[in-house]
Amino acid sequence: KHVSYLVPDRVVDGYGLTPPIAER
């Protein structure tokens, strides 16, 4: 019932699951 998504920004975040992405 609760499915969301997050896609990193190529320039700001770079590739993959980074620590800042995990925090978000």
mmCIF file of all heavy atoms, coordinates in Angstrom:
data_MODEL
# 
_entry.id   MODEL 
# 
loop_
_atom_site.group_PDB 
_atom_site.id 
_atom_site.type_symbol 
_atom_site.label_atom_id 
_atom_site.label_alt_id 
_atom_site.label_comp_id 
_atom_site.label_asym_id 
_atom_site.label_entity_id 
_atom_site.label_seq_id 
_atom_site.pdbx_PDB_ins_code 
_atom_site.Cartn_x 
_atom_site.Cartn_y 
_atom_site.Cartn_z 
_atom_site.occupancy 
_atom_site.B_iso_or_equiv 
_atom_site.pdbx_formal_charge 
_atom_site.auth_seq_id 
_atom_site.auth_comp_id 
_atom_site.auth_asym_id 
_atom_site.auth_atom_id 
_atom_site.pdbx_PDB_model_num 
ATOM 1   N N   . LYS A 1 1  ? 0.815  -1.219 0.000   1.00 0.00 ? 1  LYS A N   1 
ATOM 2   C CA  . LYS A 1 1  ? 0.000  0.000  0.000   1.00 0.00 ? 1  LYS A CA  1 
ATOM 3   C C   . LYS A 1 1  ? 0.849  1.268  0.000   1.00 0.00 ? 1  LYS A C   1 
ATOM 4   O O   . LYS A 1 1  ? 0.367  2.337  -0.382  1.00 0.00 ? 1  LYS A O   1 
ATOM 5   C CB  . LYS A 1 1  ? -0.927 0.011  1.211   1.00 0.00 ? 1  LYS A CB  1 
ATOM 6   C CG  . LYS A 1 1  ? -1.981 -1.094 1.212   1.00 0.00 ? 1  LYS A CG  1 
ATOM 7   C CD  . LYS A 1 1  ? -2.916 -0.953 2.411   1.00 0.00 ? 1  LYS A CD  1 
ATOM 8   C CE  . LYS A 1 1  ? -4.023 -1.998 2.395   1.00 0.00 ? 1  LYS A CE  1 
ATOM 9   N NZ  . LYS A 1 1  ? -3.492 -3.369 2.489   1.00 0.00 ? 1  LYS A NZ  1 
ATOM 10  N N   . HIS A 1 2  ? 2.086  1.153  0.440   1.00 0.00 ? 2  HIS A N   1 
ATOM 11  C CA  . HIS A 1 2  ? 2.930  2.340  0.555   1.00 0.00 ? 2  HIS A CA  1 
ATOM 12  C C   . HIS A 1 2  ? 4.245  2.100  -0.201  1.00 0.00 ? 2  HIS A C   1 
ATOM 13  O O   . HIS A 1 2  ? 5.197  1.557  0.353   1.00 0.00 ? 2  HIS A O   1 
ATOM 14  C CB  . HIS A 1 2  ? 3.212  2.663  2.021   1.00 0.00 ? 2  HIS A CB  1 
ATOM 15  C CG  . HIS A 1 2  ? 1.985  2.743  2.871   1.00 0.00 ? 2  HIS A CG  1 
ATOM 16  N ND1 . HIS A 1 2  ? 1.080  3.772  2.780   1.00 0.00 ? 2  HIS A ND1 1 
ATOM 17  C CD2 . HIS A 1 2  ? 1.505  1.884  3.812   1.00 0.00 ? 2  HIS A CD2 1 
ATOM 18  C CE1 . HIS A 1 2  ? 0.100  3.570  3.645   1.00 0.00 ? 2  HIS A CE1 1 
ATOM 19  N NE2 . HIS A 1 2  ? 0.327  2.435  4.277   1.00 0.00 ? 2  HIS A NE2 1 
ATOM 20  N N   . VAL A 1 3  ? 4.266  2.479  -1.457  1.00 0.00 ? 3  VAL A N   1 
ATOM 21  C CA  . VAL A 1 3  ? 5.470  2.316  -2.277  1.00 0.00 ? 3  VAL A CA  1 
ATOM 22  C C   . VAL A 1 3  ? 5.824  3.665  -2.887  1.00 0.00 ? 3  VAL A C   1 
ATOM 23  O O   . VAL A 1 3  ? 5.016  4.251  -3.614  1.00 0.00 ? 3  VAL A O   1 
ATOM 24  C CB  . VAL A 1 3  ? 5.272  1.282  -3.412  1.00 0.00 ? 3  VAL A CB  1 
ATOM 25  C CG1 . VAL A 1 3  ? 6.598  1.032  -4.126  1.00 0.00 ? 3  VAL A CG1 1 
ATOM 26  C CG2 . VAL A 1 3  ? 4.700  -0.015 -2.873  1.00 0.00 ? 3  VAL A CG2 1 
ATOM 27  N N   . SER A 1 4  ? 7.003  4.155  -2.589  1.00 0.00 ? 4  SER A N   1 
ATOM 28  C CA  . SER A 1 4  ? 7.494  5.392  -3.183  1.00 0.00 ? 4  SER A CA  1 
ATOM 29  C C   . SER A 1 4  ? 8.826  5.105  -3.883  1.00 0.00 ? 4  SER A C   1 
ATOM 30  O O   . SER A 1 4  ? 9.326  3.975  -3.830  1.00 0.00 ? 4  SER A O   1 
ATOM 31  C CB  . SER A 1 4  ? 7.689  6.465  -2.105  1.00 0.00 ? 4  SER A CB  1 
ATOM 32  O OG  . SER A 1 4  ? 8.655  6.045  -1.151  1.00 0.00 ? 4  SER A OG  1 
ATOM 33  N N   . TYR A 1 5  ? 9.383  6.118  -4.494  1.00 0.00 ? 5  TYR A N   1 
ATOM 34  C CA  . TYR A 1 5  ? 10.688 5.930  -5.124  1.00 0.00 ? 5  TYR A CA  1 
ATOM 35  C C   . TYR A 1 5  ? 11.494 7.219  -5.039  1.00 0.00 ? 5  TYR A C   1 
ATOM 36  O O   . TYR A 1 5  ? 10.957 8.309  -4.832  1.00 0.00 ? 5  TYR A O   1 
ATOM 37  C CB  . TYR A 1 5  ? 10.545 5.490  -6.588  1.00 0.00 ? 5  TYR A CB  1 
ATOM 38  C CG  . TYR A 1 5  ? 10.049 6.564  -7.524  1.00 0.00 ? 5  TYR A CG  1 
ATOM 39  C CD1 . TYR A 1 5  ? 10.941 7.426  -8.165  1.00 0.00 ? 5  TYR A CD1 1 
ATOM 40  C CD2 . TYR A 1 5  ? 8.682  6.728  -7.779  1.00 0.00 ? 5  TYR A CD2 1 
ATOM 41  C CE1 . TYR A 1 5  ? 10.491 8.410  -9.029  1.00 0.00 ? 5  TYR A CE1 1 
ATOM 42  C CE2 . TYR A 1 5  ? 8.224  7.707  -8.629  1.00 0.00 ? 5  TYR A CE2 1 
ATOM 43  C CZ  . TYR A 1 5  ? 9.128  8.556  -9.249  1.00 0.00 ? 5  TYR A CZ  1 
ATOM 44  O OH  . TYR A 1 5  ? 8.684  9.532  -10.087 1.00 0.00 ? 5  TYR A OH  1 
ATOM 45  N N   . LEU A 1 6  ? 12.787 7.072  -5.199  1.00 0.00 ? 6  LEU A N   1 
ATOM 46  C CA  . LEU A 1 6  ? 13.712 8.201  -5.225  1.00 0.00 ? 6  LEU A CA  1 
ATOM 47  C C   . LEU A 1 6  ? 14.772 7.891  -6.267  1.00 0.00 ? 6  LEU A C   1 
ATOM 48  O O   . LEU A 1 6  ? 15.320 6.787  -6.287  1.00 0.00 ? 6  LEU A O   1 
ATOM 49  C CB  . LEU A 1 6  ? 14.347 8.390  -3.840  1.00 0.00 ? 6  LEU A CB  1 
ATOM 50  C CG  . LEU A 1 6  ? 15.235 9.608  -3.591  1.00 0.00 ? 6  LEU A CG  1 
ATOM 51  C CD1 . LEU A 1 6  ? 15.272 9.908  -2.095  1.00 0.00 ? 6  LEU A CD1 1 
ATOM 52  C CD2 . LEU A 1 6  ? 16.661 9.395  -4.096  1.00 0.00 ? 6  LEU A CD2 1 
ATOM 53  N N   . VAL A 1 7  ? 15.041 8.843  -7.145  1.00 0.00 ? 7  VAL A N   1 
ATOM 54  C CA  . VAL A 1 7  ? 16.083 8.635  -8.153  1.00 0.00 ? 7  VAL A CA  1 
ATOM 55  C C   . VAL A 1 7  ? 17.147 9.710  -7.969  1.00 0.00 ? 7  VAL A C   1 
ATOM 56  O O   . VAL A 1 7  ? 16.831 10.891 -7.897  1.00 0.00 ? 7  VAL A O   1 
ATOM 57  C CB  . VAL A 1 7  ? 15.499 8.653  -9.586  1.00 0.00 ? 7  VAL A CB  1 
ATOM 58  C CG1 . VAL A 1 7  ? 14.790 9.945  -9.901  1.00 0.00 ? 7  VAL A CG1 1 
ATOM 59  C CG2 . VAL A 1 7  ? 16.583 8.368  -10.610 1.00 0.00 ? 7  VAL A CG2 1 
ATOM 60  N N   . PRO A 1 8  ? 18.405 9.324  -7.806  1.00 0.00 ? 8  PRO A N   1 
ATOM 61  C CA  . PRO A 1 8  ? 19.467 10.312 -7.597  1.00 0.00 ? 8  PRO A CA  1 
ATOM 62  C C   . PRO A 1 8  ? 19.603 11.253 -8.786  1.00 0.00 ? 8  PRO A C   1 
ATOM 63  O O   . PRO A 1 8  ? 19.263 10.907 -9.923  1.00 0.00 ? 8  PRO A O   1 
ATOM 64  C CB  . PRO A 1 8  ? 20.726 9.456  -7.437  1.00 0.00 ? 8  PRO A CB  1 
ATOM 65  C CG  . PRO A 1 8  ? 20.234 8.102  -7.067  1.00 0.00 ? 8  PRO A CG  1 
ATOM 66  C CD  . PRO A 1 8  ? 18.919 7.951  -7.766  1.00 0.00 ? 8  PRO A CD  1 
ATOM 67  N N   . ASP A 1 9  ? 20.104 12.442 -8.519  1.00 0.00 ? 9  ASP A N   1 
ATOM 68  C CA  . ASP A 1 9  ? 20.450 13.387 -9.569  1.00 0.00 ? 9  ASP A CA  1 
ATOM 69  C C   . ASP A 1 9  ? 21.865 13.073 -10.047 1.00 0.00 ? 9  ASP A C   1 
ATOM 70  O O   . ASP A 1 9  ? 22.792 12.981 -9.254  1.00 0.00 ? 9  ASP A O   1 
ATOM 71  C CB  . ASP A 1 9  ? 20.376 14.823 -9.035  1.00 0.00 ? 9  ASP A CB  1 
ATOM 72  C CG  . ASP A 1 9  ? 20.680 15.855 -10.103 1.00 0.00 ? 9  ASP A CG  1 
ATOM 73  O OD1 . ASP A 1 9  ? 21.878 16.075 -10.377 1.00 0.00 ? 9  ASP A OD1 1 
ATOM 74  O OD2 . ASP A 1 9  ? 19.732 16.430 -10.657 1.00 0.00 ? 9  ASP A OD2 1 
ATOM 75  N N   . ARG A 1 10 ? 22.010 12.906 -11.358 1.00 0.00 ? 10 ARG A N   1 
ATOM 76  C CA  . ARG A 1 10 ? 23.302 12.515 -11.923 1.00 0.00 ? 10 ARG A CA  1 
ATOM 77  C C   . ARG A 1 10 ? 24.418 13.469 -11.497 1.00 0.00 ? 10 ARG A C   1 
ATOM 78  O O   . ARG A 1 10 ? 25.523 13.041 -11.153 1.00 0.00 ? 10 ARG A O   1 
ATOM 79  C CB  . ARG A 1 10 ? 23.200 12.497 -13.449 1.00 0.00 ? 10 ARG A CB  1 
ATOM 80  C CG  . ARG A 1 10 ? 24.497 12.131 -14.164 1.00 0.00 ? 10 ARG A CG  1 
ATOM 81  C CD  . ARG A 1 10 ? 24.358 12.340 -15.669 1.00 0.00 ? 10 ARG A CD  1 
ATOM 82  N NE  . ARG A 1 10 ? 23.448 11.381 -16.256 1.00 0.00 ? 10 ARG A NE  1 
ATOM 83  C CZ  . ARG A 1 10 ? 23.813 10.212 -16.806 1.00 0.00 ? 10 ARG A CZ  1 
ATOM 84  N NH1 . ARG A 1 10 ? 25.086 9.859  -16.799 1.00 0.00 ? 10 ARG A NH1 1 
ATOM 85  N NH2 . ARG A 1 10 ? 22.927 9.419  -17.344 1.00 0.00 ? 10 ARG A NH2 1 
ATOM 86  N N   . VAL A 1 11 ? 24.140 14.763 -11.500 1.00 0.00 ? 11 VAL A N   1 
ATOM 87  C CA  . VAL A 1 11 ? 25.173 15.760 -11.215 1.00 0.00 ? 11 VAL A CA  1 
ATOM 88  C C   . VAL A 1 11 ? 25.424 15.895 -9.724  1.00 0.00 ? 11 VAL A C   1 
ATOM 89  O O   . VAL A 1 11 ? 26.557 15.832 -9.246  1.00 0.00 ? 11 VAL A O   1 
ATOM 90  C CB  . VAL A 1 11 ? 24.783 17.123 -11.821 1.00 0.00 ? 11 VAL A CB  1 
ATOM 91  C CG1 . VAL A 1 11 ? 25.785 18.195 -11.409 1.00 0.00 ? 11 VAL A CG1 1 
ATOM 92  C CG2 . VAL A 1 11 ? 24.705 17.028 -13.340 1.00 0.00 ? 11 VAL A CG2 1 
ATOM 93  N N   . VAL A 1 12 ? 24.367 16.070 -8.954  1.00 0.00 ? 12 VAL A N   1 
ATOM 94  C CA  . VAL A 1 12 ? 24.499 16.369 -7.529  1.00 0.00 ? 12 VAL A CA  1 
ATOM 95  C C   . VAL A 1 12 ? 24.812 15.126 -6.707  1.00 0.00 ? 12 VAL A C   1 
ATOM 96  O O   . VAL A 1 12 ? 25.699 15.137 -5.838  1.00 0.00 ? 12 VAL A O   1 
ATOM 97  C CB  . VAL A 1 12 ? 23.215 17.039 -6.995  1.00 0.00 ? 12 VAL A CB  1 
ATOM 98  C CG1 . VAL A 1 12 ? 23.325 17.288 -5.486  1.00 0.00 ? 12 VAL A CG1 1 
ATOM 99  C CG2 . VAL A 1 12 ? 22.953 18.342 -7.741  1.00 0.00 ? 12 VAL A CG2 1 
ATOM 100 N N   . ASP A 1 13 ? 24.107 14.045 -6.979  1.00 0.00 ? 13 ASP A N   1 
ATOM 101 C CA  . ASP A 1 13 ? 24.218 12.843 -6.138  1.00 0.00 ? 13 ASP A CA  1 
ATOM 102 C C   . ASP A 1 13 ? 25.221 11.830 -6.655  1.00 0.00 ? 13 ASP A C   1 
ATOM 103 O O   . ASP A 1 13 ? 25.785 11.058 -5.879  1.00 0.00 ? 13 ASP A O   1 
ATOM 104 C CB  . ASP A 1 13 ? 22.846 12.157 -6.015  1.00 0.00 ? 13 ASP A CB  1 
ATOM 105 C CG  . ASP A 1 13 ? 21.808 13.064 -5.392  1.00 0.00 ? 13 ASP A CG  1 
ATOM 106 O OD1 . ASP A 1 13 ? 22.081 13.615 -4.309  1.00 0.00 ? 13 ASP A OD1 1 
ATOM 107 O OD2 . ASP A 1 13 ? 20.726 13.219 -5.998  1.00 0.00 ? 13 ASP A OD2 1 
ATOM 108 N N   . GLY A 1 14 ? 25.405 11.778 -7.973  1.00 0.00 ? 14 GLY A N   1 
ATOM 109 C CA  . GLY A 1 14 ? 26.250 10.731 -8.522  1.00 0.00 ? 14 GLY A CA  1 
ATOM 110 C C   . GLY A 1 14 ? 25.505 9.417  -8.582  1.00 0.00 ? 14 GLY A C   1 
ATOM 111 O O   . GLY A 1 14 ? 24.295 9.339  -8.367  1.00 0.00 ? 14 GLY A O   1 
ATOM 112 N N   . TYR A 1 15 ? 26.253 8.360  -8.861  1.00 0.00 ? 15 TYR A N   1 
ATOM 113 C CA  . TYR A 1 15 ? 25.642 7.048  -9.113  1.00 0.00 ? 15 TYR A CA  1 
ATOM 114 C C   . TYR A 1 15 ? 25.449 6.258  -7.821  1.00 0.00 ? 15 TYR A C   1 
ATOM 115 O O   . TYR A 1 15 ? 26.280 6.284  -6.918  1.00 0.00 ? 15 TYR A O   1 
ATOM 116 C CB  . TYR A 1 15 ? 26.529 6.246  -10.072 1.00 0.00 ? 15 TYR A CB  1 
ATOM 117 C CG  . TYR A 1 15 ? 26.092 4.813  -10.241 1.00 0.00 ? 15 TYR A CG  1 
ATOM 118 C CD1 . TYR A 1 15 ? 24.997 4.490  -11.038 1.00 0.00 ? 15 TYR A CD1 1 
ATOM 119 C CD2 . TYR A 1 15 ? 26.752 3.779  -9.580  1.00 0.00 ? 15 TYR A CD2 1 
ATOM 120 C CE1 . TYR A 1 15 ? 24.579 3.193  -11.189 1.00 0.00 ? 15 TYR A CE1 1 
ATOM 121 C CE2 . TYR A 1 15 ? 26.345 2.468  -9.730  1.00 0.00 ? 15 TYR A CE2 1 
ATOM 122 C CZ  . TYR A 1 15 ? 25.261 2.175  -10.529 1.00 0.00 ? 15 TYR A CZ  1 
ATOM 123 O OH  . TYR A 1 15 ? 24.841 0.884  -10.671 1.00 0.00 ? 15 TYR A OH  1 
ATOM 124 N N   . GLY A 1 16 ? 24.342 5.535  -7.748  1.00 0.00 ? 16 GLY A N   1 
ATOM 125 C CA  . GLY A 1 16 ? 24.149 4.523  -6.711  1.00 0.00 ? 16 GLY A CA  1 
ATOM 126 C C   . GLY A 1 16 ? 23.597 5.040  -5.400  1.00 0.00 ? 16 GLY A C   1 
ATOM 127 O O   . GLY A 1 16 ? 23.288 6.222  -5.224  1.00 0.00 ? 16 GLY A O   1 
ATOM 128 N N   . LEU A 1 17 ? 23.493 4.115  -4.461  1.00 0.00 ? 17 LEU A N   1 
ATOM 129 C CA  . LEU A 1 17 ? 22.978 4.405  -3.119  1.00 0.00 ? 17 LEU A CA  1 
ATOM 130 C C   . LEU A 1 17 ? 24.123 4.978  -2.275  1.00 0.00 ? 17 LEU A C   1 
ATOM 131 O O   . LEU A 1 17 ? 24.932 4.231  -1.727  1.00 0.00 ? 17 LEU A O   1 
ATOM 132 C CB  . LEU A 1 17 ? 22.409 3.131  -2.483  1.00 0.00 ? 17 LEU A CB  1 
ATOM 133 C CG  . LEU A 1 17 ? 21.988 3.250  -1.017  1.00 0.00 ? 17 LEU A CG  1 
ATOM 134 C CD1 . LEU A 1 17 ? 20.881 4.287  -0.847  1.00 0.00 ? 17 LEU A CD1 1 
ATOM 135 C CD2 . LEU A 1 17 ? 21.554 1.895  -0.479  1.00 0.00 ? 17 LEU A CD2 1 
ATOM 136 N N   . THR A 1 18 ? 24.174 6.278  -2.176  1.00 0.00 ? 18 THR A N   1 
ATOM 137 C CA  . THR A 1 18 ? 25.187 6.941  -1.358  1.00 0.00 ? 18 THR A CA  1 
ATOM 138 C C   . THR A 1 18 ? 24.624 7.186  0.045   1.00 0.00 ? 18 THR A C   1 
ATOM 139 O O   . THR A 1 18 ? 23.402 7.150  0.247   1.00 0.00 ? 18 THR A O   1 
ATOM 140 C CB  . THR A 1 18 ? 25.584 8.284  -1.980  1.00 0.00 ? 18 THR A CB  1 
ATOM 141 O OG1 . THR A 1 18 ? 24.411 9.125  -2.051  1.00 0.00 ? 18 THR A OG1 1 
ATOM 142 C CG2 . THR A 1 18 ? 26.149 8.102  -3.381  1.00 0.00 ? 18 THR A CG2 1 
ATOM 143 N N   . PRO A 1 19 ? 25.469 7.459  1.047   1.00 0.00 ? 19 PRO A N   1 
ATOM 144 C CA  . PRO A 1 19 ? 24.956 7.768  2.390   1.00 0.00 ? 19 PRO A CA  1 
ATOM 145 C C   . PRO A 1 19 ? 23.933 8.907  2.411   1.00 0.00 ? 19 PRO A C   1 
ATOM 146 O O   . PRO A 1 19 ? 22.908 8.786  3.103   1.00 0.00 ? 19 PRO A O   1 
ATOM 147 C CB  . PRO A 1 19 ? 26.235 8.107  3.166   1.00 0.00 ? 19 PRO A CB  1 
ATOM 148 C CG  . PRO A 1 19 ? 27.284 7.254  2.525   1.00 0.00 ? 19 PRO A CG  1 
ATOM 149 C CD  . PRO A 1 19 ? 26.946 7.288  1.061   1.00 0.00 ? 19 PRO A CD  1 
ATOM 150 N N   . PRO A 1 20 ? 24.151 10.021 1.683   1.00 0.00 ? 20 PRO A N   1 
ATOM 151 C CA  . PRO A 1 20 ? 23.118 11.071 1.688   1.00 0.00 ? 20 PRO A CA  1 
ATOM 152 C C   . PRO A 1 20 ? 21.775 10.591 1.136   1.00 0.00 ? 20 PRO A C   1 
ATOM 153 O O   . PRO A 1 20 ? 20.722 11.002 1.638   1.00 0.00 ? 20 PRO A O   1 
ATOM 154 C CB  . PRO A 1 20 ? 23.726 12.161 0.790   1.00 0.00 ? 20 PRO A CB  1 
ATOM 155 C CG  . PRO A 1 20 ? 25.201 11.964 0.892   1.00 0.00 ? 20 PRO A CG  1 
ATOM 156 C CD  . PRO A 1 20 ? 25.372 10.482 0.980   1.00 0.00 ? 20 PRO A CD  1 
ATOM 157 N N   . ILE A 1 21 ? 21.808 9.731  0.104   1.00 0.00 ? 21 ILE A N   1 
ATOM 158 C CA  . ILE A 1 21 ? 20.551 9.182  -0.425  1.00 0.00 ? 21 ILE A CA  1 
ATOM 159 C C   . ILE A 1 21 ? 19.874 8.317  0.634   1.00 0.00 ? 21 ILE A C   1 
ATOM 160 O O   . ILE A 1 21 ? 18.652 8.383  0.839   1.00 0.00 ? 21 ILE A O   1 
ATOM 161 C CB  . ILE A 1 21 ? 20.808 8.358  -1.704  1.00 0.00 ? 21 ILE A CB  1 
ATOM 162 C CG1 . ILE A 1 21 ? 21.280 9.257  -2.848  1.00 0.00 ? 21 ILE A CG1 1 
ATOM 163 C CG2 . ILE A 1 21 ? 19.558 7.590  -2.114  1.00 0.00 ? 21 ILE A CG2 1 
ATOM 164 C CD1 . ILE A 1 21 ? 20.234 10.200 -3.377  1.00 0.00 ? 21 ILE A CD1 1 
ATOM 165 N N   . ALA A 1 22 ? 20.659 7.494  1.335   1.00 0.00 ? 22 ALA A N   1 
ATOM 166 C CA  . ALA A 1 22 ? 20.109 6.655  2.397   1.00 0.00 ? 22 ALA A CA  1 
ATOM 167 C C   . ALA A 1 22 ? 19.457 7.512  3.477   1.00 0.00 ? 22 ALA A C   1 
ATOM 168 O O   . ALA A 1 22 ? 18.378 7.176  4.007   1.00 0.00 ? 22 ALA A O   1 
ATOM 169 C CB  . ALA A 1 22 ? 21.207 5.774  2.990   1.00 0.00 ? 22 ALA A CB  1 
ATOM 170 N N   . GLU A 1 23 ? 20.087 8.638  3.801   1.00 0.00 ? 23 GLU A N   1 
ATOM 171 C CA  . GLU A 1 23 ? 19.528 9.548  4.808   1.00 0.00 ? 23 GLU A CA  1 
ATOM 172 C C   . GLU A 1 23 ? 18.200 10.121 4.332   1.00 0.00 ? 23 GLU A C   1 
ATOM 173 O O   . GLU A 1 23 ? 17.241 10.235 5.115   1.00 0.00 ? 23 GLU A O   1 
ATOM 174 C CB  . GLU A 1 23 ? 20.513 10.685 5.098   1.00 0.00 ? 23 GLU A CB  1 
ATOM 175 C CG  . GLU A 1 23 ? 21.801 10.258 5.788   1.00 0.00 ? 23 GLU A CG  1 
ATOM 176 C CD  . GLU A 1 23 ? 21.569 9.809  7.232   1.00 0.00 ? 23 GLU A CD  1 
ATOM 177 O OE1 . GLU A 1 23 ? 20.539 10.182 7.828   1.00 0.00 ? 23 GLU A OE1 1 
ATOM 178 O OE2 . GLU A 1 23 ? 22.417 9.063  7.751   1.00 0.00 ? 23 GLU A OE2 1 
ATOM 179 N N   . ARG A 1 24 ? 18.126 10.490 3.071   1.00 0.00 ? 24 ARG A N   1 
ATOM 180 C CA  . ARG A 1 24 ? 16.876 11.038 2.530   1.00 0.00 ? 24 ARG A CA  1 
ATOM 181 C C   . ARG A 1 24 ? 15.760 10.011 2.566   1.00 0.00 ? 24 ARG A C   1 
ATOM 182 O O   . ARG A 1 24 ? 14.597 10.334 2.849   1.00 0.00 ? 24 ARG A O   1 
ATOM 183 C CB  . ARG A 1 24 ? 17.099 11.539 1.102   1.00 0.00 ? 24 ARG A CB  1 
ATOM 184 C CG  . ARG A 1 24 ? 17.819 12.885 1.059   1.00 0.00 ? 24 ARG A CG  1 
ATOM 185 C CD  . ARG A 1 24 ? 18.433 13.172 -0.294  1.00 0.00 ? 24 ARG A CD  1 
ATOM 186 N NE  . ARG A 1 24 ? 17.463 13.206 -1.390  1.00 0.00 ? 24 ARG A NE  1 
ATOM 187 C CZ  . ARG A 1 24 ? 17.809 13.353 -2.658  1.00 0.00 ? 24 ARG A CZ  1 
ATOM 188 N NH1 . ARG A 1 24 ? 19.101 13.448 -2.989  1.00 0.00 ? 24 ARG A NH1 1 
ATOM 189 N NH2 . ARG A 1 24 ? 16.893 13.390 -3.605  1.00 0.00 ? 24 ARG A NH2 1 
# 
